[in-house]
Amino acid sequence: MIDAGLDQPEAQDDCPLATFYTPKDVHDLLKGFNINSLSQDHIFPYIVSKYKNYEYELQPWFKAMPPKTFKVLEKRLGWHLLIIAAPIL
């Protein structure tokens, strides 16, 4: 969503850059490393205006969504790319 210009990386403007990487980009970036795991995770489910005031109210569609469905979405659409790698010796 960030890469398409449809969302921003933080709850406020002018925060540090968020960079979009594909799995291929990661493999290219980490040449010289064995990638042991690569997965996506984390969707921010809260209403941003309330979150800024420390109110943790879920967006209506996330509130109505079964937890298992939300987890599946996080694994497919999550904002964080989690990588475990070790140097090739």
Protein backbone atom coordinates (compact mmCIF):
# COMPACT_ATOMS: atom_id res chain seq x y z
CA MET A 1 0.00 0.00 0.00
CA ILE A 2 2.88 2.37 0.78
CA ASP A 3 4.62 1.50 -2.49
CA ALA A 4 1.39 2.27 -4.38
CA GLY A 5 1.01 5.63 -2.60
CA LEU A 6 -2.18 4.53 -0.84
CA ASP A 7 -0.85 4.64 2.72
CA GLN A 8 2.00 6.04 4.79
CA PRO A 9 4.48 4.23 7.04
CA GLU A 10 3.55 6.00 10.29
CA ALA A 11 0.58 7.68 11.94
CA GLN A 12 1.99 11.10 11.10
CA ASP A 13 3.56 12.68 8.02
CA ASP A 14 7.28 13.29 7.60
CA CYS A 15 8.43 10.17 9.43
CA PRO A 16 11.51 8.22 8.35
CA LEU A 17 11.33 6.48 5.02
CA ALA A 18 9.82 3.05 4.67
CA THR A 19 11.34 0.97 1.90
CA PHE A 20 9.59 -1.76 -0.06
CA TYR A 21 11.54 -5.00 -0.65
CA THR A 22 10.48 -8.08 -2.56
CA PRO A 23 11.90 -11.49 -1.57
CA LYS A 24 14.16 -11.25 -4.65
CA ASP A 25 15.44 -7.85 -3.44
CA VAL A 26 16.29 -9.45 -0.08
CA HIS A 27 18.19 -12.30 -1.71
CA ASP A 28 20.12 -9.79 -3.85
CA LEU A 29 20.82 -7.55 -0.83
CA LEU A 30 21.98 -10.45 1.35
CA LYS A 31 24.33 -12.17 -1.08
CA GLY A 32 26.91 -13.92 1.07
CA PHE A 33 24.25 -14.95 3.59
CA ASN A 34 22.10 -18.04 3.90
CA ILE A 35 18.51 -16.93 4.36
CA ASN A 36 17.02 -19.31 6.90
CA SER A 37 13.55 -17.76 6.89
CA LEU A 38 11.72 -14.92 5.19
CA SER A 39 8.17 -14.00 6.16
CA GLN A 40 5.75 -11.10 6.33
CA ASP A 41 3.89 -9.92 9.42
CA HIS A 42 2.11 -6.95 11.03
CA ILE A 43 -0.91 -5.01 9.88
CA PHE A 44 -1.72 -1.89 11.88
CA PRO A 45 -5.39 -2.46 12.84
CA TYR A 46 -6.20 0.68 14.85
CA ILE A 47 -8.02 3.90 14.00
CA VAL A 48 -5.08 6.29 13.58
CA SER A 49 -6.76 9.42 14.97
CA LYS A 50 -7.64 7.56 18.18
CA TYR A 51 -4.28 5.79 18.34
CA LYS A 52 -2.54 9.19 18.42
CA ASN A 53 -4.45 9.77 21.69
CA TYR A 54 -3.46 6.36 23.10
CA GLU A 55 -6.90 4.91 22.34
CA TYR A 56 -6.54 1.46 20.82
CA GLU A 57 -9.78 1.07 18.88
CA LEU A 58 -9.75 -1.38 16.00
CA GLN A 59 -10.87 -0.36 12.53
CA PRO A 60 -14.43 -1.72 12.11
CA TRP A 61 -13.41 -4.32 9.51
CA PHE A 62 -10.64 -5.66 11.75
CA LYS A 63 -12.96 -5.70 14.77
CA ALA A 64 -15.45 -7.83 12.81
CA MET A 65 -12.76 -10.13 11.43
CA PRO A 66 -12.01 -13.49 13.07
CA PRO A 67 -8.47 -13.54 14.56
CA LYS A 68 -7.45 -16.43 12.30
CA THR A 69 -8.40 -14.42 9.21
CA PHE A 70 -6.45 -11.41 10.48
CA LYS A 71 -3.35 -13.60 10.99
CA VAL A 72 -3.63 -14.93 7.43
CA LEU A 73 -3.84 -11.36 6.11
CA GLU A 74 -0.77 -10.37 8.14
CA LYS A 75 1.21 -13.23 6.60
CA ARG A 76 0.14 -12.20 3.08
CA LEU A 77 -0.06 -8.41 3.33
CA GLY A 78 1.98 -7.51 6.42
CA TRP A 79 4.14 -4.39 6.43
CA HIS A 80 7.21 -6.02 8.00
CA LEU A 81 9.48 -8.43 6.18
CA LEU A 82 11.10 -10.64 8.81
CA ILE A 83 14.43 -12.20 7.85
CA ILE A 84 16.66 -14.65 9.66
CA ALA A 85 20.02 -15.04 7.92
CA ALA A 86 23.52 -16.21 8.71
CA PRO A 87 26.79 -15.49 6.92
CA ILE A 88 28.06 -18.13 4.54
CA LEU A 89 31.31 -19.37 6.02
